[in-house]
Each structure stands twice: as structure tokens, then as C-alpha cells.
N, C-alpha and C. Protein backbone atom coordinates (compact mmCIF):
# COMPACT_ATOMS: atom_id res chain seq x y z
N MET A 1 78.87 83.98 102.36
CA MET A 1 77.86 83.51 103.32
C MET A 1 76.54 83.30 102.58
N PRO A 2 75.86 82.19 102.80
CA PRO A 2 74.58 81.96 102.13
C PRO A 2 73.60 83.10 102.38
N GLN A 3 72.83 83.45 101.35
CA GLN A 3 71.94 84.60 101.42
C GLN A 3 70.46 84.22 101.39
N ASP A 4 70.15 82.91 101.72
CA ASP A 4 68.77 82.47 101.60
C ASP A 4 67.90 82.96 102.76
N ARG A 5 68.53 83.44 103.85
CA ARG A 5 67.75 84.01 104.95
C ARG A 5 68.58 85.11 105.62
N ALA A 6 67.89 85.93 106.39
CA ALA A 6 68.58 87.06 107.03
C ALA A 6 69.64 86.54 107.99
N PRO A 7 70.81 87.18 108.03
CA PRO A 7 71.88 86.73 108.93
C PRO A 7 71.49 86.91 110.39
N THR A 8 71.97 86.01 111.21
CA THR A 8 71.72 86.10 112.65
C THR A 8 72.66 87.14 113.26
N ARG A 9 72.44 87.43 114.53
CA ARG A 9 73.30 88.39 115.23
C ARG A 9 74.75 87.90 115.25
N ILE A 10 74.92 86.59 115.49
CA ILE A 10 76.28 86.02 115.52
C ILE A 10 76.93 86.12 114.15
N GLN A 11 76.15 85.86 113.10
CA GLN A 11 76.71 85.96 111.75
C GLN A 11 77.11 87.39 111.41
N LYS A 12 76.30 88.35 111.82
CA LYS A 12 76.66 89.75 111.60
C LYS A 12 77.94 90.10 112.35
N LYS A 13 78.03 89.62 113.60
CA LYS A 13 79.21 89.90 114.42
C LYS A 13 80.45 89.29 113.79
N ASN A 14 80.34 88.04 113.32
CA ASN A 14 81.50 87.38 112.71
C ASN A 14 81.91 88.06 111.41
N ARG A 15 80.93 88.46 110.61
CA ARG A 15 81.26 89.13 109.36
C ARG A 15 82.00 90.45 109.63
N ALA A 16 81.52 91.19 110.60
CA ALA A 16 82.17 92.45 110.96
C ALA A 16 83.58 92.20 111.47
N ALA A 17 83.75 91.16 112.28
CA ALA A 17 85.07 90.83 112.81
C ALA A 17 86.03 90.44 111.70
N ILE A 18 85.53 89.70 110.72
CA ILE A 18 86.36 89.29 109.59
C ILE A 18 86.80 90.51 108.78
N LEU A 19 85.88 91.40 108.49
CA LEU A 19 86.24 92.57 107.70
C LEU A 19 87.20 93.49 108.46
N ASP A 20 87.03 93.59 109.77
CA ASP A 20 87.95 94.41 110.57
C ASP A 20 89.34 93.78 110.56
N ALA A 21 89.39 92.46 110.70
CA ALA A 21 90.68 91.76 110.65
C ALA A 21 91.31 91.88 109.27
N ALA A 22 90.49 91.74 108.24
CA ALA A 22 91.00 91.86 106.87
C ALA A 22 91.56 93.25 106.62
N LEU A 23 90.90 94.26 107.16
CA LEU A 23 91.38 95.64 107.01
C LEU A 23 92.75 95.79 107.66
N ASN A 24 92.93 95.21 108.84
CA ASN A 24 94.23 95.25 109.51
C ASN A 24 95.31 94.60 108.65
N VAL A 25 95.01 93.43 108.14
CA VAL A 25 96.01 92.65 107.39
C VAL A 25 96.30 93.29 106.04
N PHE A 26 95.26 93.68 105.32
CA PHE A 26 95.48 94.29 104.00
C PHE A 26 96.21 95.63 104.11
N SER A 27 95.87 96.43 105.11
CA SER A 27 96.51 97.73 105.24
C SER A 27 97.98 97.59 105.64
N ALA A 28 98.31 96.49 106.32
CA ALA A 28 99.70 96.27 106.74
C ALA A 28 100.53 95.58 105.66
N HIS A 29 99.92 94.66 104.91
CA HIS A 29 100.69 93.81 103.99
C HIS A 29 100.33 93.99 102.52
N GLY A 30 99.28 94.77 102.24
CA GLY A 30 98.83 94.87 100.87
C GLY A 30 98.05 93.63 100.45
N PHE A 31 97.42 93.69 99.29
CA PHE A 31 96.62 92.55 98.84
C PHE A 31 97.49 91.33 98.60
N ARG A 32 98.61 91.54 97.92
CA ARG A 32 99.46 90.40 97.56
C ARG A 32 100.09 89.74 98.77
N GLY A 33 100.44 90.53 99.76
CA GLY A 33 101.11 89.97 100.93
C GLY A 33 100.17 89.36 101.95
N ALA A 34 98.89 89.66 101.85
CA ALA A 34 97.92 89.14 102.82
C ALA A 34 97.52 87.71 102.49
N THR A 35 97.21 86.93 103.50
CA THR A 35 96.73 85.57 103.29
C THR A 35 95.45 85.35 104.09
N VAL A 36 94.68 84.38 103.66
CA VAL A 36 93.46 84.02 104.38
C VAL A 36 93.79 83.54 105.79
N ASP A 37 94.90 82.81 105.92
CA ASP A 37 95.30 82.32 107.25
C ASP A 37 95.59 83.48 108.20
N GLN A 38 96.27 84.51 107.71
CA GLN A 38 96.54 85.68 108.55
C GLN A 38 95.24 86.34 109.00
N ILE A 39 94.31 86.48 108.06
CA ILE A 39 93.05 87.16 108.38
C ILE A 39 92.24 86.33 109.37
N ALA A 40 92.21 85.01 109.19
CA ALA A 40 91.48 84.14 110.12
C ALA A 40 92.07 84.25 111.52
N ALA A 41 93.40 84.23 111.61
CA ALA A 41 94.04 84.34 112.92
C ALA A 41 93.74 85.69 113.56
N GLU A 42 93.77 86.74 112.77
CA GLU A 42 93.49 88.08 113.28
C GLU A 42 92.05 88.18 113.78
N ALA A 43 91.14 87.50 113.07
CA ALA A 43 89.72 87.54 113.44
C ALA A 43 89.38 86.59 114.58
N GLY A 44 90.31 85.68 114.93
CA GLY A 44 90.04 84.70 115.98
C GLY A 44 89.08 83.62 115.53
N LEU A 45 89.10 83.31 114.22
CA LEU A 45 88.22 82.29 113.66
C LEU A 45 89.05 81.24 112.95
N SER A 46 88.49 80.05 112.79
CA SER A 46 89.16 79.04 111.99
C SER A 46 89.05 79.43 110.51
N LYS A 47 89.97 78.93 109.71
CA LYS A 47 89.94 79.23 108.28
C LYS A 47 88.62 78.74 107.65
N PRO A 48 88.16 77.51 107.93
CA PRO A 48 86.88 77.08 107.34
C PRO A 48 85.72 77.97 107.76
N ASN A 49 85.73 78.43 109.01
CA ASN A 49 84.66 79.32 109.47
C ASN A 49 84.69 80.63 108.70
N LEU A 50 85.89 81.17 108.52
CA LEU A 50 86.01 82.42 107.74
C LEU A 50 85.51 82.23 106.32
N LEU A 51 85.88 81.10 105.70
CA LEU A 51 85.51 80.87 104.30
C LEU A 51 84.01 80.63 104.14
N TYR A 52 83.32 80.36 105.23
CA TYR A 52 81.86 80.27 105.17
C TYR A 52 81.26 81.64 104.84
N TYR A 53 81.91 82.69 105.33
CA TYR A 53 81.41 84.05 105.12
C TYR A 53 81.96 84.68 103.83
N PHE A 54 83.22 84.43 103.56
CA PHE A 54 83.87 84.98 102.37
C PHE A 54 84.68 83.87 101.72
N PRO A 55 84.41 83.55 100.45
CA PRO A 55 85.05 82.39 99.82
C PRO A 55 86.53 82.59 99.49
N SER A 56 87.03 83.83 99.57
CA SER A 56 88.41 84.09 99.18
C SER A 56 88.86 85.42 99.75
N LYS A 57 90.17 85.68 99.69
CA LYS A 57 90.66 86.99 100.13
C LYS A 57 90.22 88.07 99.16
N GLU A 58 90.02 87.69 97.88
CA GLU A 58 89.51 88.65 96.90
C GLU A 58 88.13 89.16 97.31
N ALA A 59 87.28 88.28 97.81
CA ALA A 59 85.93 88.67 98.22
C ALA A 59 85.98 89.64 99.40
N MET A 60 86.87 89.38 100.34
CA MET A 60 87.02 90.29 101.49
C MET A 60 87.55 91.65 101.04
N HIS A 61 88.54 91.62 100.17
CA HIS A 61 89.15 92.86 99.67
C HIS A 61 88.13 93.70 98.92
N GLU A 62 87.36 93.06 98.06
CA GLU A 62 86.34 93.77 97.28
C GLU A 62 85.27 94.37 98.19
N ALA A 63 84.88 93.64 99.23
CA ALA A 63 83.87 94.16 100.17
C ALA A 63 84.39 95.40 100.89
N LEU A 64 85.65 95.37 101.29
CA LEU A 64 86.25 96.52 101.97
C LEU A 64 86.36 97.72 101.04
N LEU A 65 86.80 97.49 99.80
CA LEU A 65 86.96 98.59 98.85
C LEU A 65 85.62 99.21 98.49
N ALA A 66 84.60 98.38 98.36
CA ALA A 66 83.27 98.90 98.02
C ALA A 66 82.76 99.83 99.11
N GLU A 67 82.96 99.46 100.36
CA GLU A 67 82.55 100.31 101.48
C GLU A 67 83.41 101.57 101.55
N LEU A 68 84.70 101.39 101.28
CA LEU A 68 85.64 102.50 101.41
C LEU A 68 85.40 103.59 100.39
N LEU A 69 85.11 103.22 99.15
CA LEU A 69 84.98 104.22 98.10
C LEU A 69 83.89 105.24 98.42
N ASP A 70 82.77 104.77 98.91
CA ASP A 70 81.69 105.70 99.26
C ASP A 70 82.14 106.63 100.38
N THR A 71 82.77 106.07 101.40
CA THR A 71 83.25 106.88 102.51
C THR A 71 84.27 107.90 102.04
N TRP A 72 85.16 107.48 101.16
CA TRP A 72 86.25 108.34 100.69
C TRP A 72 85.75 109.49 99.84
N LEU A 73 84.67 109.27 99.11
CA LEU A 73 84.17 110.31 98.20
C LEU A 73 83.18 111.25 98.86
N ASP A 74 82.64 110.87 100.01
CA ASP A 74 81.61 111.70 100.65
C ASP A 74 82.05 113.14 100.91
N PRO A 75 83.28 113.39 101.42
CA PRO A 75 83.66 114.79 101.66
C PRO A 75 83.68 115.64 100.40
N LEU A 76 84.09 115.06 99.28
CA LEU A 76 84.10 115.81 98.02
C LEU A 76 82.67 116.06 97.54
N ARG A 77 81.82 115.06 97.70
CA ARG A 77 80.41 115.23 97.33
C ARG A 77 79.78 116.38 98.13
N ALA A 78 80.27 116.59 99.35
CA ALA A 78 79.67 117.57 100.25
C ALA A 78 80.00 119.02 99.90
N LEU A 79 80.94 119.27 98.97
CA LEU A 79 81.21 120.64 98.55
C LEU A 79 79.91 121.26 98.03
N ASP A 80 79.47 122.32 98.66
CA ASP A 80 78.15 122.88 98.40
C ASP A 80 78.24 124.12 97.50
N GLU A 81 77.61 124.04 96.35
CA GLU A 81 77.60 125.15 95.40
C GLU A 81 77.04 126.42 96.02
N GLN A 82 76.12 126.27 96.99
CA GLN A 82 75.48 127.43 97.61
C GLN A 82 76.29 127.99 98.79
N GLY A 83 77.33 127.29 99.18
CA GLY A 83 78.12 127.75 100.32
C GLY A 83 79.14 128.81 99.94
N GLU A 84 79.81 129.35 100.96
CA GLU A 84 80.88 130.32 100.72
C GLU A 84 82.11 129.53 100.26
N PRO A 85 82.67 129.81 99.09
CA PRO A 85 83.69 128.94 98.50
C PRO A 85 84.88 128.63 99.39
N LEU A 86 85.49 129.66 99.99
CA LEU A 86 86.67 129.40 100.81
C LEU A 86 86.31 128.55 102.02
N THR A 87 85.17 128.82 102.63
CA THR A 87 84.71 128.02 103.77
C THR A 87 84.50 126.57 103.36
N GLU A 88 83.88 126.37 102.21
CA GLU A 88 83.62 125.01 101.72
C GLU A 88 84.93 124.26 101.48
N LEU A 89 85.90 124.91 100.86
CA LEU A 89 87.16 124.24 100.54
C LEU A 89 87.99 123.96 101.79
N LEU A 90 88.01 124.88 102.72
CA LEU A 90 88.75 124.64 103.96
C LEU A 90 88.09 123.53 104.78
N ALA A 91 86.77 123.47 104.75
CA ALA A 91 86.07 122.37 105.44
C ALA A 91 86.43 121.04 104.80
N TYR A 92 86.58 121.03 103.48
CA TYR A 92 86.98 119.82 102.77
C TYR A 92 88.38 119.38 103.20
N VAL A 93 89.31 120.34 103.27
CA VAL A 93 90.67 120.03 103.71
C VAL A 93 90.65 119.44 105.12
N HIS A 94 89.90 120.06 106.03
CA HIS A 94 89.84 119.58 107.41
C HIS A 94 89.22 118.19 107.50
N ARG A 95 88.18 117.95 106.70
CA ARG A 95 87.54 116.64 106.73
C ARG A 95 88.48 115.56 106.22
N LYS A 96 89.24 115.87 105.17
CA LYS A 96 90.19 114.89 104.64
C LYS A 96 91.29 114.60 105.66
N LEU A 97 91.72 115.62 106.38
CA LEU A 97 92.74 115.41 107.42
C LEU A 97 92.16 114.56 108.55
N GLU A 98 90.93 114.85 108.94
CA GLU A 98 90.27 114.05 109.98
C GLU A 98 90.15 112.59 109.56
N MET A 99 89.90 112.36 108.29
CA MET A 99 89.77 110.97 107.81
C MET A 99 91.11 110.25 107.91
N SER A 100 92.22 110.96 107.64
CA SER A 100 93.53 110.34 107.80
C SER A 100 93.80 109.99 109.26
N ARG A 101 93.32 110.85 110.16
CA ARG A 101 93.50 110.59 111.59
C ARG A 101 92.60 109.45 112.07
N ASP A 102 91.34 109.45 111.61
CA ASP A 102 90.35 108.51 112.12
C ASP A 102 90.30 107.19 111.36
N TYR A 103 90.74 107.19 110.10
CA TYR A 103 90.67 105.98 109.26
C TYR A 103 92.01 105.68 108.59
N PRO A 104 93.09 105.56 109.37
CA PRO A 104 94.40 105.32 108.75
C PRO A 104 94.49 103.99 108.03
N ARG A 105 93.83 102.95 108.55
CA ARG A 105 93.89 101.65 107.89
C ARG A 105 93.21 101.71 106.53
N GLU A 106 92.08 102.39 106.48
CA GLU A 106 91.35 102.52 105.22
C GLU A 106 92.17 103.30 104.20
N SER A 107 92.85 104.34 104.66
CA SER A 107 93.68 105.14 103.77
C SER A 107 94.80 104.29 103.18
N ARG A 108 95.44 103.48 104.01
CA ARG A 108 96.54 102.64 103.53
C ARG A 108 96.02 101.53 102.62
N LEU A 109 94.83 101.01 102.91
CA LEU A 109 94.22 100.02 102.01
C LEU A 109 94.04 100.61 100.62
N PHE A 110 93.50 101.83 100.57
CA PHE A 110 93.28 102.51 99.30
C PHE A 110 94.61 102.79 98.61
N ALA A 111 95.60 103.28 99.36
CA ALA A 111 96.91 103.60 98.78
C ALA A 111 97.57 102.34 98.21
N ASN A 112 97.49 101.22 98.94
CA ASN A 112 98.07 99.98 98.45
C ASN A 112 97.43 99.54 97.15
N GLU A 113 96.13 99.70 97.05
CA GLU A 113 95.43 99.33 95.82
C GLU A 113 95.89 100.21 94.66
N ILE A 114 96.04 101.51 94.90
CA ILE A 114 96.47 102.43 93.85
C ILE A 114 97.89 102.11 93.41
N VAL A 115 98.79 101.87 94.37
CA VAL A 115 100.19 101.57 94.05
C VAL A 115 100.29 100.32 93.18
N GLN A 116 99.39 99.37 93.37
CA GLN A 116 99.41 98.14 92.59
C GLN A 116 98.73 98.30 91.23
N GLY A 117 98.33 99.53 90.89
CA GLY A 117 97.70 99.78 89.61
C GLY A 117 96.18 99.76 89.64
N ALA A 118 95.62 99.70 90.84
CA ALA A 118 94.15 99.71 91.03
C ALA A 118 93.42 98.66 90.21
N PRO A 119 93.91 97.40 90.21
CA PRO A 119 93.27 96.38 89.37
C PRO A 119 91.83 96.08 89.76
N ARG A 120 91.48 96.32 91.02
CA ARG A 120 90.14 95.97 91.48
C ARG A 120 89.19 97.17 91.53
N ILE A 121 89.72 98.39 91.40
CA ILE A 121 88.83 99.56 91.46
C ILE A 121 89.07 100.56 90.33
N TYR A 122 89.86 100.16 89.32
CA TYR A 122 90.17 101.13 88.27
C TYR A 122 88.90 101.62 87.57
N GLN A 123 87.97 100.71 87.34
CA GLN A 123 86.73 101.13 86.67
C GLN A 123 85.99 102.17 87.49
N ALA A 124 85.93 101.97 88.80
CA ALA A 124 85.26 102.95 89.65
C ALA A 124 86.00 104.28 89.64
N LEU A 125 87.33 104.23 89.61
CA LEU A 125 88.11 105.47 89.57
C LEU A 125 87.88 106.21 88.26
N SER A 126 87.88 105.48 87.15
CA SER A 126 87.77 106.12 85.84
C SER A 126 86.34 106.51 85.51
N GLU A 127 85.39 106.01 86.28
CA GLU A 127 83.99 106.35 86.03
C GLU A 127 83.44 107.19 87.19
N ASP A 128 83.15 106.57 88.33
CA ASP A 128 82.52 107.29 89.44
C ASP A 128 83.37 108.46 89.94
N LEU A 129 84.66 108.19 90.20
CA LEU A 129 85.52 109.25 90.72
C LEU A 129 85.69 110.36 89.69
N LYS A 130 85.93 109.99 88.46
CA LYS A 130 86.16 111.01 87.42
C LYS A 130 84.93 111.89 87.23
N VAL A 131 83.76 111.30 87.21
CA VAL A 131 82.53 112.08 87.05
C VAL A 131 82.38 113.07 88.21
N LEU A 132 82.63 112.59 89.42
CA LEU A 132 82.50 113.46 90.59
C LEU A 132 83.54 114.58 90.55
N VAL A 133 84.79 114.24 90.26
CA VAL A 133 85.85 115.25 90.22
C VAL A 133 85.58 116.27 89.11
N ASP A 134 85.17 115.81 87.94
CA ASP A 134 84.87 116.74 86.85
C ASP A 134 83.76 117.70 87.25
N ASP A 135 82.76 117.18 87.95
CA ASP A 135 81.65 118.02 88.40
C ASP A 135 82.14 119.08 89.40
N LYS A 136 82.98 118.68 90.33
CA LYS A 136 83.47 119.63 91.33
C LYS A 136 84.49 120.60 90.73
N VAL A 137 85.24 120.16 89.73
CA VAL A 137 86.15 121.08 89.04
C VAL A 137 85.36 122.17 88.32
N ALA A 138 84.23 121.81 87.73
CA ALA A 138 83.38 122.82 87.09
C ALA A 138 82.90 123.82 88.14
N LEU A 139 82.56 123.34 89.33
CA LEU A 139 82.16 124.24 90.41
C LEU A 139 83.30 125.17 90.81
N LEU A 140 84.51 124.61 90.96
CA LEU A 140 85.67 125.42 91.31
C LEU A 140 85.96 126.48 90.25
N GLU A 141 85.86 126.08 88.99
CA GLU A 141 86.11 127.03 87.90
C GLU A 141 85.09 128.15 87.90
N GLY A 142 83.85 127.83 88.27
CA GLY A 142 82.82 128.87 88.38
C GLY A 142 83.14 129.85 89.48
N TRP A 143 83.60 129.34 90.63
CA TRP A 143 83.98 130.22 91.73
C TRP A 143 85.18 131.09 91.34
N MET A 144 86.12 130.50 90.62
CA MET A 144 87.30 131.26 90.19
C MET A 144 86.90 132.35 89.19
N ALA A 145 86.06 132.00 88.25
CA ALA A 145 85.63 132.97 87.23
C ALA A 145 84.88 134.14 87.86
N ALA A 146 84.17 133.87 88.94
CA ALA A 146 83.43 134.92 89.63
C ALA A 146 84.30 135.71 90.61
N GLY A 147 85.57 135.34 90.72
CA GLY A 147 86.47 136.04 91.62
C GLY A 147 86.26 135.71 93.09
N ARG A 148 85.60 134.59 93.35
CA ARG A 148 85.30 134.24 94.75
C ARG A 148 86.43 133.47 95.41
N ILE A 149 87.29 132.83 94.63
CA ILE A 149 88.55 132.26 95.11
C ILE A 149 89.61 132.56 94.06
N ALA A 150 90.87 132.49 94.46
CA ALA A 150 91.97 132.76 93.53
C ALA A 150 91.99 131.70 92.43
N ARG A 151 92.50 132.10 91.29
CA ARG A 151 92.56 131.17 90.16
C ARG A 151 93.80 130.29 90.28
N VAL A 152 93.57 128.99 90.42
CA VAL A 152 94.64 127.99 90.43
C VAL A 152 94.15 126.83 89.55
N HIS A 153 95.05 125.88 89.26
CA HIS A 153 94.64 124.73 88.45
C HIS A 153 93.72 123.86 89.30
N PRO A 154 92.46 123.70 88.94
CA PRO A 154 91.51 123.04 89.85
C PRO A 154 91.80 121.57 90.10
N TYR A 155 92.25 120.84 89.07
CA TYR A 155 92.56 119.42 89.30
C TYR A 155 93.76 119.27 90.23
N HIS A 156 94.79 120.07 89.99
CA HIS A 156 95.97 119.98 90.85
C HIS A 156 95.68 120.47 92.26
N LEU A 157 94.72 121.36 92.41
CA LEU A 157 94.29 121.77 93.74
C LEU A 157 93.75 120.56 94.50
N LEU A 158 92.88 119.79 93.87
CA LEU A 158 92.32 118.61 94.52
C LEU A 158 93.41 117.57 94.78
N PHE A 159 94.30 117.35 93.79
CA PHE A 159 95.38 116.39 93.99
C PHE A 159 96.23 116.78 95.21
N SER A 160 96.51 118.08 95.34
CA SER A 160 97.35 118.53 96.45
C SER A 160 96.66 118.32 97.79
N ILE A 161 95.36 118.54 97.85
CA ILE A 161 94.62 118.31 99.09
C ILE A 161 94.67 116.83 99.46
N TRP A 162 94.47 115.97 98.47
CA TRP A 162 94.54 114.54 98.74
C TRP A 162 95.91 114.14 99.27
N SER A 163 96.97 114.60 98.60
CA SER A 163 98.31 114.17 98.99
C SER A 163 98.73 114.74 100.33
N LEU A 164 98.41 116.01 100.59
CA LEU A 164 98.86 116.63 101.84
C LEU A 164 98.10 116.11 103.05
N THR A 165 96.88 115.67 102.87
CA THR A 165 96.12 115.15 104.01
C THR A 165 96.36 113.64 104.19
N GLN A 166 96.34 112.87 103.12
CA GLN A 166 96.48 111.42 103.22
C GLN A 166 97.91 111.01 103.59
N HIS A 167 98.86 111.90 103.39
CA HIS A 167 100.25 111.61 103.77
C HIS A 167 100.35 111.19 105.23
N TYR A 168 99.55 111.80 106.09
CA TYR A 168 99.64 111.53 107.52
C TYR A 168 99.22 110.09 107.86
N ALA A 169 98.39 109.49 107.05
CA ALA A 169 98.01 108.10 107.26
C ALA A 169 98.93 107.15 106.49
N ASP A 170 99.14 107.46 105.21
CA ASP A 170 99.88 106.54 104.35
C ASP A 170 101.37 106.46 104.69
N PHE A 171 101.93 107.56 105.23
CA PHE A 171 103.34 107.60 105.60
C PHE A 171 103.49 107.83 107.11
N ASP A 172 102.59 107.22 107.85
CA ASP A 172 102.54 107.41 109.30
C ASP A 172 103.87 107.09 109.97
N VAL A 173 104.53 106.01 109.57
CA VAL A 173 105.79 105.62 110.19
C VAL A 173 106.85 106.70 109.98
N GLN A 174 106.92 107.22 108.77
CA GLN A 174 107.90 108.26 108.46
C GLN A 174 107.60 109.54 109.27
N VAL A 175 106.33 109.92 109.32
CA VAL A 175 105.95 111.13 110.05
C VAL A 175 106.31 110.98 111.53
N ARG A 176 105.99 109.84 112.11
CA ARG A 176 106.25 109.63 113.54
C ARG A 176 107.75 109.52 113.81
N ALA A 177 108.52 108.96 112.86
CA ALA A 177 109.97 108.87 113.03
C ALA A 177 110.59 110.26 113.10
N VAL A 178 110.06 111.19 112.31
CA VAL A 178 110.58 112.56 112.29
C VAL A 178 110.12 113.35 113.52
N LEU A 179 108.85 113.20 113.87
CA LEU A 179 108.28 114.01 114.95
C LEU A 179 108.54 113.46 116.35
N GLY A 180 108.92 112.19 116.44
CA GLY A 180 109.15 111.59 117.76
C GLY A 180 107.87 111.46 118.55
N ASP A 181 107.85 112.01 119.75
CA ASP A 181 106.69 111.87 120.64
C ASP A 181 105.56 112.83 120.31
N GLU A 182 105.80 113.75 119.40
CA GLU A 182 104.77 114.74 119.06
C GLU A 182 103.62 114.10 118.30
N ASP A 183 102.41 114.48 118.63
CA ASP A 183 101.23 114.00 117.90
C ASP A 183 101.33 114.47 116.45
N PRO A 184 101.32 113.53 115.48
CA PRO A 184 101.46 113.93 114.08
C PRO A 184 100.42 114.94 113.61
N PHE A 185 99.25 114.94 114.26
CA PHE A 185 98.19 115.83 113.83
C PHE A 185 98.15 117.15 114.60
N ASP A 186 99.05 117.28 115.58
CA ASP A 186 99.10 118.50 116.36
C ASP A 186 99.66 119.63 115.50
N GLY A 187 98.83 120.57 115.15
CA GLY A 187 99.24 121.70 114.32
C GLY A 187 99.03 121.50 112.84
N ALA A 188 98.75 120.27 112.41
CA ALA A 188 98.57 120.02 110.98
C ALA A 188 97.36 120.77 110.44
N ASP A 189 96.28 120.79 111.23
CA ASP A 189 95.07 121.47 110.77
C ASP A 189 95.30 122.97 110.59
N VAL A 190 96.02 123.57 111.54
CA VAL A 190 96.30 125.01 111.44
C VAL A 190 97.20 125.30 110.25
N PHE A 191 98.22 124.47 110.06
CA PHE A 191 99.12 124.67 108.93
C PHE A 191 98.39 124.58 107.60
N LEU A 192 97.59 123.53 107.42
CA LEU A 192 96.89 123.35 106.15
C LEU A 192 95.83 124.43 105.94
N ASP A 193 95.17 124.83 107.01
CA ASP A 193 94.19 125.91 106.91
C ASP A 193 94.88 127.19 106.42
N THR A 194 96.03 127.53 107.02
CA THR A 194 96.77 128.73 106.63
C THR A 194 97.25 128.62 105.18
N LEU A 195 97.78 127.46 104.83
CA LEU A 195 98.30 127.24 103.47
C LEU A 195 97.23 127.47 102.42
N TYR A 196 96.09 126.81 102.59
CA TYR A 196 95.04 126.90 101.57
C TYR A 196 94.28 128.22 101.65
N ARG A 197 94.20 128.80 102.82
CA ARG A 197 93.55 130.11 102.92
C ARG A 197 94.37 131.15 102.13
N ARG A 198 95.69 131.10 102.28
CA ARG A 198 96.54 132.04 101.56
C ARG A 198 96.53 131.76 100.06
N LEU A 199 96.50 130.49 99.70
CA LEU A 199 96.50 130.13 98.28
C LEU A 199 95.21 130.54 97.59
N LEU A 200 94.09 130.39 98.28
CA LEU A 200 92.80 130.51 97.63
C LEU A 200 92.06 131.83 97.88
N SER A 201 92.53 132.62 98.83
CA SER A 201 91.85 133.90 99.06
C SER A 201 91.94 134.77 97.81
N PRO A 202 90.83 135.38 97.40
CA PRO A 202 90.85 136.23 96.19
C PRO A 202 91.89 137.33 96.31
N ARG A 203 92.56 137.61 95.21
CA ARG A 203 93.59 138.63 95.19
C ARG A 203 93.09 139.84 94.42
N PRO A 204 93.45 141.04 94.85
CA PRO A 204 93.04 142.23 94.08
C PRO A 204 93.71 142.23 92.71
N ASP A 205 93.00 142.70 91.70
CA ASP A 205 93.56 142.72 90.34
C ASP A 205 94.69 143.74 90.26
């Protein structure tokens, strides 16, 4: 979309509609399977109108990923060095589970990008994500050394939290096929809270 003047209300509305439609299509079909025609139809716009705002599906995908990365990393950034360690980590687990419940399309968009080798966000993963994770691992190691949480492998701890919480969004069809009419998130928070509380509670020497 031309940037020579501030967008109008209609332009903002159309851009938001396009990105919402693109999120639906990309999360369902992946980047390779998605087409501009599908996204235009989902957004209720003509293809030329859509291309006025975004010149390609790559531009839409990049815009979504840029917004998503910040949202995805915020819960990890929020781990507070001054907080009570077990409380901080359990809050992180709960927030990640809530994100799978509230942002399933975003989770699948991210998962699809990773499965394809992360060609569009690998640099961000190897730089921004790695720096953040290394910083939080140092925090976890400090808590472990002080005996405030049990000693476990800090990187694998984070990997396990990601996989156990994001599973509910990324494998939603499988989860619902097994559970039937049961809400996939009913009891998940209690289970994960119990699991990580038992894993991380300090143990007597």
C-alpha cells in the first residue's frame, strides 16, 4: 500500500481484513499451499484490490510473522528475575497454554514456517530468539544453583514447555479426535501445573 500519506479508516479496515484472511489461509494450507486468490476470496476483496495493499503472498506472510514473533516471545520476556521462581515458571506455562487456546491460527502459522525450515524467520530465531533464550537460561541456572527450583536441563525445560502447550493448537484435530466432545483445554492447565510443579519444586539433599 502506498505510504505517502496516512491510511484512511477504510484502508486500515481492509488491511486488517486481508491479514486476518491470510492468517486463516496460511495456518490451514501453509505458505506453499496458500494462494493470493484464496486470500482475496477469504477477505471478500478482489485480487487487484488485495494487491494494492500487499504486492505478494510473501509480503502478507512476512507481515504476519513479524507481528507474531513479538507476541510469541512476550511470555518468555516476562519471566521476572525478582519473582518467586516456581510461580514465574508456572505462570509462563499457563500463559503459553492460553496462547494455544486463544491464538491457534498463529501457532499453526509459526509451526508451518518451522516445519518448512524457517526460511523467512531463521535469522530472527538464530538471533533474537537465541539471545532471549540464552538470557532466560542463565536466569534458570541461577535459580537452580541457589536451590530455588530443582536442577533440570534448562534448555530442554523450555523446549518441553513449548511442545506440551503448543501441541493443543498445532495438533488440534488429533486432540479433538481423541477427546471427542470434551473441551481440549478442560483439565490441561491443572495437569501441566501439577507436572511442572512436581518437576521443579526444590528437593531436599
